[in-house]
Amino acid sequence: MSAVETTKKTSTRGFASMDPEKQRAIARKGGESVPHEKRSFSQNPGLAAEAGRKGGQSVNPNKRSFSRNHTLASEAGRKGGHASHGGPKKPGVE
C-alpha cells in the first residue's frame, strides 16, 4: 500500500469539519433567534426559578420520591453510572 492509501480520510461535511470561525458565526445566529427575555436562565434567576417550580408541579407528588429519600436517589444515580460506564454489577446478576 502507498502512503496515500493508508491515510485516514476525514469528512468534509458537517458542522465539525467547518472552520472554527464559521462554527462560531452559525452558533451566534442560533442564540439571536431566541427572544431576549428567554435567552438565558443565568441572566434571569427569577425566570429560572419559575421554570423549576413549573416543572416540579407537573410531577405527581406521590412520585417525587428522590426529594424525600436521599438513599433511593443515590442508588439510582449509582445504577445509572454503572449502566453508562460499565461499572460493577449487583452480585448474582449476569
PDB file of N, CA and C in Angstrom:
ATOM      1  N   MET A   1       0.831  -1.189   0.000  1.00  0.00           N
ATOM      2  CA  MET A   1       0.000   0.000   0.000  1.00  0.00           C
ATOM      3  C   MET A   1       0.871   1.247   0.000  1.00  0.00           C
ATOM      4  N   SER A   2       0.387   2.261  -0.665  1.00  0.00           N
ATOM      5  CA  SER A   2       1.125   3.519  -0.672  1.00  0.00           C
ATOM      6  C   SER A   2       0.711   4.354   0.535  1.00  0.00           C
ATOM      7  N   ALA A   3       1.460   5.398   0.797  1.00  0.00           N
ATOM      8  CA  ALA A   3       1.161   6.281   1.926  1.00  0.00           C
ATOM      9  C   ALA A   3      -0.198   6.945   1.758  1.00  0.00           C
ATOM     10  N   VAL A   4      -0.595   7.196   0.537  1.00  0.00           N
ATOM     11  CA  VAL A   4      -1.882   7.836   0.275  1.00  0.00           C
ATOM     12  C   VAL A   4      -3.030   6.904   0.664  1.00  0.00           C
ATOM     13  N   GLU A   5      -2.876   5.614   0.412  1.00  0.00           N
ATOM     14  CA  GLU A   5      -3.929   4.650   0.698  1.00  0.00           C
ATOM     15  C   GLU A   5      -4.103   4.400   2.195  1.00  0.00           C
ATOM     16  N   THR A   6      -3.081   4.592   2.988  1.00  0.00           N
ATOM     17  CA  THR A   6      -3.159   4.301   4.411  1.00  0.00           C
ATOM     18  C   THR A   6      -3.574   5.507   5.247  1.00  0.00           C
ATOM     19  N   THR A   7      -3.615   6.691   4.654  1.00  0.00           N
ATOM     20  CA  THR A   7      -4.011   7.861   5.434  1.00  0.00           C
ATOM     21  C   THR A   7      -5.494   7.821   5.709  1.00  0.00           C
ATOM     22  N   LYS A   8      -5.876   8.323   6.858  1.00  0.00           N
ATOM     23  CA  LYS A   8      -7.269   8.324   7.259  1.00  0.00           C
ATOM     24  C   LYS A   8      -8.003   9.423   6.505  1.00  0.00           C
ATOM     25  N   LYS A   9      -9.128   9.064   5.910  1.00  0.00           N
ATOM     26  CA  LYS A   9      -9.930  10.055   5.208  1.00  0.00           C
ATOM     27  C   LYS A   9     -10.874  10.702   6.207  1.00  0.00           C
ATOM     28  N   THR A  10     -10.987  12.028   6.147  1.00  0.00           N
ATOM     29  CA  THR A  10     -11.921  12.730   7.015  1.00  0.00           C
ATOM     30  C   THR A  10     -13.014  13.346   6.160  1.00  0.00           C
ATOM     31  N   SER A  11     -14.165  13.465   6.750  1.00  0.00           N
ATOM     32  CA  SER A  11     -15.303  14.012   6.029  1.00  0.00           C
ATOM     33  C   SER A  11     -15.155  15.517   5.861  1.00  0.00           C
ATOM     34  N   THR A  12     -15.634  16.010   4.757  1.00  0.00           N
ATOM     35  CA  THR A  12     -15.659  17.462   4.543  1.00  0.00           C
ATOM     36  C   THR A  12     -17.069  17.975   4.752  1.00  0.00           C
ATOM     37  N   ARG A  13     -17.930  17.130   5.318  1.00  0.00           N
ATOM     38  CA  ARG A  13     -19.315  17.500   5.544  1.00  0.00           C
ATOM     39  C   ARG A  13     -19.568  17.708   7.030  1.00  0.00           C
ATOM     40  N   GLY A  14     -20.546  18.541   7.336  1.00  0.00           N
ATOM     41  CA  GLY A  14     -20.999  18.682   8.709  1.00  0.00           C
ATOM     42  C   GLY A  14     -20.336  19.802   9.484  1.00  0.00           C
ATOM     43  N   PHE A  15     -20.943  20.091  10.615  1.00  0.00           N
ATOM     44  CA  PHE A  15     -20.531  21.204  11.472  1.00  0.00           C
ATOM     45  C   PHE A  15     -19.104  21.027  11.985  1.00  0.00           C
ATOM     46  N   ALA A  16     -18.757  19.819  12.405  1.00  0.00           N
ATOM     47  CA  ALA A  16     -17.435  19.577  12.999  1.00  0.00           C
ATOM     48  C   ALA A  16     -16.294  19.786  12.010  1.00  0.00           C
ATOM     49  N   SER A  17     -16.560  19.623  10.730  1.00  0.00           N
ATOM     50  CA  SER A  17     -15.495  19.784   9.741  1.00  0.00           C
ATOM     51  C   SER A  17     -15.302  21.241   9.315  1.00  0.00           C
ATOM     52  N   MET A  18     -16.179  22.129   9.798  1.00  0.00           N
ATOM     53  CA  MET A  18     -16.089  23.539   9.404  1.00  0.00           C
ATOM     54  C   MET A  18     -14.968  24.261  10.129  1.00  0.00           C
ATOM     55  N   ASP A  19     -14.558  25.325   9.532  1.00  0.00           N
ATOM     56  CA  ASP A  19     -13.590  26.235  10.129  1.00  0.00           C
ATOM     57  C   ASP A  19     -14.182  26.779  11.450  1.00  0.00           C
ATOM     58  N   PRO A  20     -13.399  26.869  12.532  1.00  0.00           N
ATOM     59  CA  PRO A  20     -13.927  27.307  13.834  1.00  0.00           C
ATOM     60  C   PRO A  20     -14.650  28.664  13.785  1.00  0.00           C
ATOM     61  N   GLU A  21     -14.182  29.581  12.970  1.00  0.00           N
ATOM     62  CA  GLU A  21     -14.846  30.887  12.877  1.00  0.00           C
ATOM     63  C   GLU A  21     -16.241  30.738  12.261  1.00  0.00           C
ATOM     64  N   LYS A  22     -16.365  29.871  11.280  1.00  0.00           N
ATOM     65  CA  LYS A  22     -17.668  29.629  10.660  1.00  0.00           C
ATOM     66  C   LYS A  22     -18.612  28.962  11.672  1.00  0.00           C
ATOM     67  N   GLN A  23     -18.082  28.054  12.490  1.00  0.00           N
ATOM     68  CA  GLN A  23     -18.890  27.425  13.542  1.00  0.00           C
ATOM     69  C   GLN A  23     -19.417  28.487  14.505  1.00  0.00           C
ATOM     70  N   ARG A  24     -18.546  29.413  14.919  1.00  0.00           N
ATOM     71  CA  ARG A  24     -18.962  30.472  15.840  1.00  0.00           C
ATOM     72  C   ARG A  24     -20.041  31.355  15.222  1.00  0.00           C
ATOM     73  N   ALA A  25     -19.914  31.668  13.936  1.00  0.00           N
ATOM     74  CA  ALA A  25     -20.900  32.507  13.260  1.00  0.00           C
ATOM     75  C   ALA A  25     -22.270  31.823  13.239  1.00  0.00           C
ATOM     76  N   ILE A  26     -22.289  30.533  12.974  1.00  0.00           N
ATOM     77  CA  ILE A  26     -23.545  29.789  12.955  1.00  0.00           C
ATOM     78  C   ILE A  26     -24.132  29.714  14.362  1.00  0.00           C
ATOM     79  N   ALA A  27     -23.307  29.460  15.348  1.00  0.00           N
ATOM     80  CA  ALA A  27     -23.767  29.371  16.738  1.00  0.00           C
ATOM     81  C   ALA A  27     -24.352  30.704  17.201  1.00  0.00           C
ATOM     82  N   ARG A  28     -23.737  31.804  16.804  1.00  0.00           N
ATOM     83  CA  ARG A  28     -24.238  33.137  17.152  1.00  0.00           C
ATOM     84  C   ARG A  28     -25.654  33.342  16.636  1.00  0.00           C
ATOM     85  N   LYS A  29     -25.906  32.895  15.414  1.00  0.00           N
ATOM     86  CA  LYS A  29     -27.236  33.050  14.823  1.00  0.00           C
ATOM     87  C   LYS A  29     -28.283  32.286  15.630  1.00  0.00           C
ATOM     88  N   GLY A  30     -27.915  31.138  16.156  1.00  0.00           N
ATOM     89  CA  GLY A  30     -28.853  30.367  16.969  1.00  0.00           C
ATOM     90  C   GLY A  30     -29.244  31.109  18.226  1.00  0.00           C
ATOM     91  N   GLY A  31     -28.303  31.731  18.869  1.00  0.00           N
ATOM     92  CA  GLY A  31     -28.597  32.499  20.070  1.00  0.00           C
ATOM     93  C   GLY A  31     -29.440  33.718  19.792  1.00  0.00           C
ATOM     94  N   GLU A  32     -29.257  34.311  18.636  1.00  0.00           N
ATOM     95  CA  GLU A  32     -30.012  35.510  18.283  1.00  0.00           C
ATOM     96  C   GLU A  32     -31.466  35.203  17.971  1.00  0.00           C
ATOM     97  N   SER A  33     -31.781  33.956  17.615  1.00  0.00           N
ATOM     98  CA  SER A  33     -33.146  33.605  17.244  1.00  0.00           C
ATOM     99  C   SER A  33     -34.068  33.485  18.458  1.00  0.00           C
ATOM    100  N   VAL A  34     -33.504  33.412  19.648  1.00  0.00           N
ATOM    101  CA  VAL A  34     -34.291  33.284  20.868  1.00  0.00           C
ATOM    102  C   VAL A  34     -34.613  34.682  21.385  1.00  0.00           C
ATOM    103  N   PRO A  35     -35.878  34.952  21.758  1.00  0.00           N
ATOM    104  CA  PRO A  35     -36.211  36.281  22.285  1.00  0.00           C
ATOM    105  C   PRO A  35     -35.353  36.619  23.509  1.00  0.00           C
ATOM    106  N   HIS A  36     -35.006  37.879  23.646  1.00  0.00           N
ATOM    107  CA  HIS A  36     -34.105  38.310  24.727  1.00  0.00           C
ATOM    108  C   HIS A  36     -34.594  37.852  26.103  1.00  0.00           C
ATOM    109  N   GLU A  37     -35.905  37.956  26.354  1.00  0.00           N
ATOM    110  CA  GLU A  37     -36.416  37.606  27.688  1.00  0.00           C
ATOM    111  C   GLU A  37     -36.328  36.110  27.986  1.00  0.00           C
ATOM    112  N   LYS A  38     -36.086  35.291  26.958  1.00  0.00           N
ATOM    113  CA  LYS A  38     -35.982  33.848  27.179  1.00  0.00           C
ATOM    114  C   LYS A  38     -34.582  33.324  26.893  1.00  0.00           C
ATOM    115  N   ARG A  39     -33.623  34.217  26.751  1.00  0.00           N
ATOM    116  CA  ARG A  39     -32.302  33.808  26.307  1.00  0.00           C
ATOM    117  C   ARG A  39     -31.515  32.957  27.293  1.00  0.00           C
ATOM    118  N   SER A  40     -31.524  33.322  28.542  1.00  0.00           N
ATOM    119  CA  SER A  40     -30.657  32.585  29.447  1.00  0.00           C
ATOM    120  C   SER A  40     -31.166  32.651  30.875  1.00  0.00           C
ATOM    121  N   PHE A  41     -31.268  31.488  31.479  1.00  0.00           N
ATOM    122  CA  PHE A  41     -31.646  31.452  32.881  1.00  0.00           C
ATOM    123  C   PHE A  41     -30.582  32.111  33.744  1.00  0.00           C
ATOM    124  N   SER A  42     -29.336  32.068  33.311  1.00  0.00           N
ATOM    125  CA  SER A  42     -28.280  32.676  34.116  1.00  0.00           C
ATOM    126  C   SER A  42     -28.421  34.194  34.164  1.00  0.00           C
ATOM    127  N   GLN A  43     -29.066  34.784  33.166  1.00  0.00           N
ATOM    128  CA  GLN A  43     -29.280  36.232  33.162  1.00  0.00           C
ATOM    129  C   GLN A  43     -30.536  36.615  33.927  1.00  0.00           C
ATOM    130  N   ASN A  44     -31.419  35.642  34.162  1.00  0.00           N
ATOM    131  CA  ASN A  44     -32.678  35.940  34.826  1.00  0.00           C
ATOM    132  C   ASN A  44     -33.017  34.836  35.828  1.00  0.00           C
ATOM    133  N   PRO A  45     -32.497  34.933  37.051  1.00  0.00           N
ATOM    134  CA  PRO A  45     -32.740  33.884  38.047  1.00  0.00           C
ATOM    135  C   PRO A  45     -34.227  33.686  38.358  1.00  0.00           C
ATOM    136  N   GLY A  46     -35.025  34.751  38.264  1.00  0.00           N
ATOM    137  CA  GLY A  46     -36.463  34.630  38.514  1.00  0.00           C
ATOM    138  C   GLY A  46     -37.125  33.732  37.491  1.00  0.00           C
ATOM    139  N   LEU A  47     -36.734  33.883  36.230  1.00  0.00           N
ATOM    140  CA  LEU A  47     -37.270  33.045  35.163  1.00  0.00           C
ATOM    141  C   LEU A  47     -36.872  31.585  35.377  1.00  0.00           C
ATOM    142  N   ALA A  48     -35.643  31.369  35.810  1.00  0.00           N
ATOM    143  CA  ALA A  48     -35.164  30.006  36.075  1.00  0.00           C
ATOM    144  C   ALA A  48     -35.953  29.379  37.225  1.00  0.00           C
ATOM    145  N   ALA A  49     -36.185  30.146  38.288  1.00  0.00           N
ATOM    146  CA  ALA A  49     -36.938  29.633  39.432  1.00  0.00           C
ATOM    147  C   ALA A  49     -38.365  29.296  39.037  1.00  0.00           C
ATOM    148  N   GLU A  50     -38.960  30.167  38.231  1.00  0.00           N
ATOM    149  CA  GLU A  50     -40.333  29.938  37.767  1.00  0.00           C
ATOM    150  C   GLU A  50     -40.422  28.649  36.932  1.00  0.00           C
ATOM    151  N   ALA A  51     -39.458  28.451  36.059  1.00  0.00           N
ATOM    152  CA  ALA A  51     -39.434  27.240  35.231  1.00  0.00           C
ATOM    153  C   ALA A  51     -39.253  25.994  36.094  1.00  0.00           C
ATOM    154  N   GLY A  52     -38.400  26.083  37.097  1.00  0.00           N
ATOM    155  CA  GLY A  52     -38.185  24.947  38.000  1.00  0.00           C
ATOM    156  C   GLY A  52     -39.429  24.596  38.782  1.00  0.00           C
ATOM    157  N   ARG A  53     -40.121  25.627  39.270  1.00  0.00           N
ATOM    158  CA  ARG A  53     -41.374  25.378  40.001  1.00  0.00           C
ATOM    159  C   ARG A  53     -42.412  24.737  39.090  1.00  0.00           C
ATOM    160  N   LYS A  54     -42.518  25.263  37.870  1.00  0.00           N
ATOM    161  CA  LYS A  54     -43.494  24.732  36.913  1.00  0.00           C
ATOM    162  C   LYS A  54     -43.199  23.258  36.623  1.00  0.00           C
ATOM    163  N   GLY A  55     -41.932  22.925  36.440  1.00  0.00           N
ATOM    164  CA  GLY A  55     -41.556  21.537  36.188  1.00  0.00           C
ATOM    165  C   GLY A  55     -41.840  20.651  37.381  1.00  0.00           C
ATOM    166  N   GLY A  56     -41.543  21.136  38.558  1.00  0.00           N
ATOM    167  CA  GLY A  56     -41.785  20.355  39.770  1.00  0.00           C
ATOM    168  C   GLY A  56     -43.260  20.126  40.031  1.00  0.00           C
ATOM    169  N   GLN A  57     -44.082  21.122  39.712  1.00  0.00           N
ATOM    170  CA  GLN A  57     -45.521  20.996  39.939  1.00  0.00           C
ATOM    171  C   GLN A  57     -46.173  20.018  38.963  1.00  0.00           C
ATOM    172  N   SER A  58     -45.525  19.783  37.825  1.00  0.00           N
ATOM    173  CA  SER A  58     -46.109  18.880  36.842  1.00  0.00           C
ATOM    174  C   SER A  58     -45.922  17.410  37.214  1.00  0.00           C
ATOM    175  N   VAL A  59     -45.109  17.141  38.246  1.00  0.00           N
ATOM    176  CA  VAL A  59     -44.871  15.770  38.686  1.00  0.00           C
ATOM    177  C   VAL A  59     -45.820  15.442  39.838  1.00  0.00           C
ATOM    178  N   ASN A  60     -46.446  14.295  39.755  1.00  0.00           N
ATOM    179  CA  ASN A  60     -47.357  13.835  40.797  1.00  0.00           C
ATOM    180  C   ASN A  60     -46.609  13.808  42.127  1.00  0.00           C
ATOM    181  N   PRO A  61     -47.171  14.418  43.190  1.00  0.00           N
ATOM    182  CA  PRO A  61     -46.479  14.443  44.499  1.00  0.00           C
ATOM    183  C   PRO A  61     -46.103  13.054  45.016  1.00  0.00           C
ATOM    184  N   ASN A  62     -46.878  12.040  44.664  1.00  0.00           N
ATOM    185  CA  ASN A  62     -46.571  10.677  45.110  1.00  0.00           C
ATOM    186  C   ASN A  62     -45.362  10.092  44.395  1.00  0.00           C
ATOM    187  N   LYS A  63     -44.956  10.713  43.297  1.00  0.00           N
ATOM    188  CA  LYS A  63     -43.829  10.199  42.521  1.00  0.00           C
ATOM    189  C   LYS A  63     -42.561  11.029  42.718  1.00  0.00           C
ATOM    190  N   ARG A  64     -42.569  11.951  43.652  1.00  0.00           N
ATOM    191  CA  ARG A  64     -41.385  12.778  43.933  1.00  0.00           C
ATOM    192  C   ARG A  64     -40.525  12.128  45.010  1.00  0.00           C
ATOM    193  N   SER A  65     -40.229  10.864  44.832  1.00  0.00           N
ATOM    194  CA  SER A  65     -39.561  10.099  45.880  1.00  0.00           C
ATOM    195  C   SER A  65     -38.113  10.510  46.107  1.00  0.00           C
ATOM    196  N   PHE A  66     -37.401  10.981  45.089  1.00  0.00           N
ATOM    197  CA  PHE A  66     -35.997  11.330  45.272  1.00  0.00           C
ATOM    198  C   PHE A  66     -35.838  12.515  46.224  1.00  0.00           C
ATOM    199  N   SER A  67     -36.771  13.435  46.200  1.00  0.00           N
ATOM    200  CA  SER A  67     -36.651  14.593  47.083  1.00  0.00           C
ATOM    201  C   SER A  67     -36.886  14.208  48.541  1.00  0.00           C
ATOM    202  N   ARG A  68     -37.558  13.070  48.766  1.00  0.00           N
ATOM    203  CA  ARG A  68     -37.832  12.630  50.131  1.00  0.00           C
ATOM    204  C   ARG A  68     -36.929  11.507  50.603  1.00  0.00           C
ATOM    205  N   ASN A  69     -36.249  10.837  49.655  1.00  0.00           N
ATOM    206  CA  ASN A  69     -35.462   9.666  50.024  1.00  0.00           C
ATOM    207  C   ASN A  69     -34.081   9.748  49.374  1.00  0.00           C
ATOM    208  N   HIS A  70     -33.127  10.302  50.110  1.00  0.00           N
ATOM    209  CA  HIS A  70     -31.777  10.513  49.591  1.00  0.00           C
ATOM    210  C   HIS A  70     -31.107   9.192  49.209  1.00  0.00           C
ATOM    211  N   THR A  71     -31.319   8.148  49.990  1.00  0.00           N
ATOM    212  CA  THR A  71     -30.699   6.847  49.708  1.00  0.00           C
ATOM    213  C   THR A  71     -31.188   6.294  48.372  1.00  0.00           C
ATOM    214  N   LEU A  72     -32.490   6.409  48.125  1.00  0.00           N
ATOM    215  CA  LEU A  72     -33.054   5.946  46.866  1.00  0.00           C
ATOM    216  C   LEU A  72     -32.441   6.717  45.686  1.00  0.00           C
ATOM    217  N   ALA A  73     -32.287   8.027  45.847  1.00  0.00           N
ATOM    218  CA  ALA A  73     -31.688   8.852  44.793  1.00  0.00           C
ATOM    219  C   ALA A  73     -30.237   8.441  44.554  1.00  0.00           C
ATOM    220  N   SER A  74     -29.496   8.188  45.609  1.00  0.00           N
ATOM    221  CA  SER A  74     -28.094   7.766  45.474  1.00  0.00           C
ATOM    222  C   SER A  74     -27.974   6.446  44.749  1.00  0.00           C
ATOM    223  N   GLU A  75     -28.831   5.499  45.120  1.00  0.00           N
ATOM    224  CA  GLU A  75     -28.805   4.181  44.471  1.00  0.00           C
ATOM    225  C   GLU A  75     -29.125   4.300  42.978  1.00  0.00           C
ATOM    226  N   ALA A  76     -30.107   5.127  42.647  1.00  0.00           N
ATOM    227  CA  ALA A  76     -30.478   5.310  41.242  1.00  0.00           C
ATOM    228  C   ALA A  76     -29.328   5.952  40.469  1.00  0.00           C
ATOM    229  N   GLY A  77     -28.662   6.916  41.069  1.00  0.00           N
ATOM    230  CA  GLY A  77     -27.525   7.559  40.426  1.00  0.00           C
ATOM    231  C   GLY A  77     -26.388   6.587  40.177  1.00  0.00           C
ATOM    232  N   ARG A  78     -26.105   5.751  41.159  1.00  0.00           N
ATOM    233  CA  ARG A  78     -25.062   4.733  41.000  1.00  0.00           C
ATOM    234  C   ARG A  78     -25.436   3.756  39.895  1.00  0.00           C
ATOM    235  N   LYS A  79     -26.705   3.326  39.888  1.00  0.00           N
ATOM    236  CA  LYS A  79     -27.164   2.377  38.882  1.00  0.00           C
ATOM    237  C   LYS A  79     -27.008   2.983  37.475  1.00  0.00           C
ATOM    238  N   GLY A  80     -27.386   4.240  37.328  1.00  0.00           N
ATOM    239  CA  GLY A  80     -27.231   4.908  36.039  1.00  0.00           C
ATOM    240  C   GLY A  80     -25.775   5.040  35.637  1.00  0.00           C
ATOM    241  N   GLY A  81     -24.924   5.364  36.585  1.00  0.00           N
ATOM    242  CA  GLY A  81     -23.497   5.486  36.305  1.00  0.00           C
ATOM    243  C   GLY A  81     -22.877   4.173  35.886  1.00  0.00           C
ATOM    244  N   HIS A  82     -23.271   3.112  36.568  1.00  0.00           N
ATOM    245  CA  HIS A  82     -22.745   1.793  36.218  1.00  0.00           C
ATOM    246  C   HIS A  82     -23.229   1.375  34.836  1.00  0.00           C
ATOM    247  N   ALA A  83     -24.481   1.672  34.526  1.00  0.00           N
ATOM    248  CA  ALA A  83     -25.040   1.296  33.221  1.00  0.00           C
ATOM    249  C   ALA A  83     -24.329   2.035  32.095  1.00  0.00           C
ATOM    250  N   SER A  84     -24.042   3.314  32.305  1.00  0.00           N
ATOM    251  CA  SER A  84     -23.436   4.098  31.226  1.00  0.00           C
ATOM    252  C   SER A  84     -21.917   3.972  31.178  1.00  0.00           C
ATOM    253  N   HIS A  85     -21.301   3.567  32.273  1.00  0.00           N
ATOM    254  CA  HIS A  85     -19.835   3.498  32.312  1.00  0.00           C
ATOM    255  C   HIS A  85     -19.300   2.089  32.535  1.00  0.00           C
ATOM    256  N   GLY A  86     -20.178   1.106  32.546  1.00  0.00           N
ATOM    257  CA  GLY A  86     -19.733  -0.277  32.673  1.00  0.00           C
ATOM    258  C   GLY A  86     -19.164  -0.633  34.028  1.00  0.00           C
ATOM    259  N   GLY A  87     -19.699  -0.053  35.077  1.00  0.00           N
ATOM    260  CA  GLY A  87     -19.206  -0.329  36.423  1.00  0.00           C
ATOM    261  C   GLY A  87     -19.649  -1.692  36.915  1.00  0.00           C
ATOM    262  N   PRO A  88     -19.337  -2.005  38.170  1.00  0.00           N
ATOM    263  CA  PRO A  88     -19.672  -3.313  38.720  1.00  0.00           C
ATOM    264  C   PRO A  88     -21.179  -3.534  38.773  1.00  0.00           C
ATOM    265  N   LYS A  89     -21.576  -4.767  38.580  1.00  0.00           N
ATOM    266  CA  LYS A  89     -22.989  -5.113  38.610  1.00  0.00           C
ATOM    267  C   LYS A  89     -23.319  -5.714  39.967  1.00  0.00           C
ATOM    268  N   LYS A  90     -24.608  -5.770  40.277  1.00  0.00           N
ATOM    269  CA  LYS A  90     -25.044  -6.367  41.540  1.00  0.00           C
ATOM    270  C   LYS A  90     -24.659  -7.846  41.565  1.00  0.00           C
ATOM    271  N   PRO A  91     -24.331  -8.383  42.732  1.00  0.00           N
ATOM    272  CA  PRO A  91     -23.971  -9.804  42.828  1.00  0.00           C
ATOM    273  C   PRO A  91     -25.144 -10.677  42.376  1.00  0.00           C
ATOM    274  N   GLY A  92     -24.826 -11.725  41.614  1.00  0.00           N
ATOM    275  CA  GLY A  92     -25.856 -12.659  41.169  1.00  0.00           C
ATOM    276  C   GLY A  92     -26.549 -12.238  39.893  1.00  0.00           C
ATOM    277  N   VAL A  93     -26.235 -11.053  39.354  1.00  0.00           N
ATOM    278  CA  VAL A  93     -26.860 -10.581  38.124  1.00  0.00           C
ATOM    279  C   VAL A  93     -25.857 -10.712  37.005  1.00  0.00           C
ATOM    280  N   GLU A  94     -26.257 -11.352  35.922  1.00  0.00           N
ATOM    281  CA  GLU A  94     -25.334 -11.512  34.802  1.00  0.00           C
ATOM    282  C   GLU A  94     -25.900 -10.935  33.556  1.00  0.00           C
TER     283      GLU A  94
END
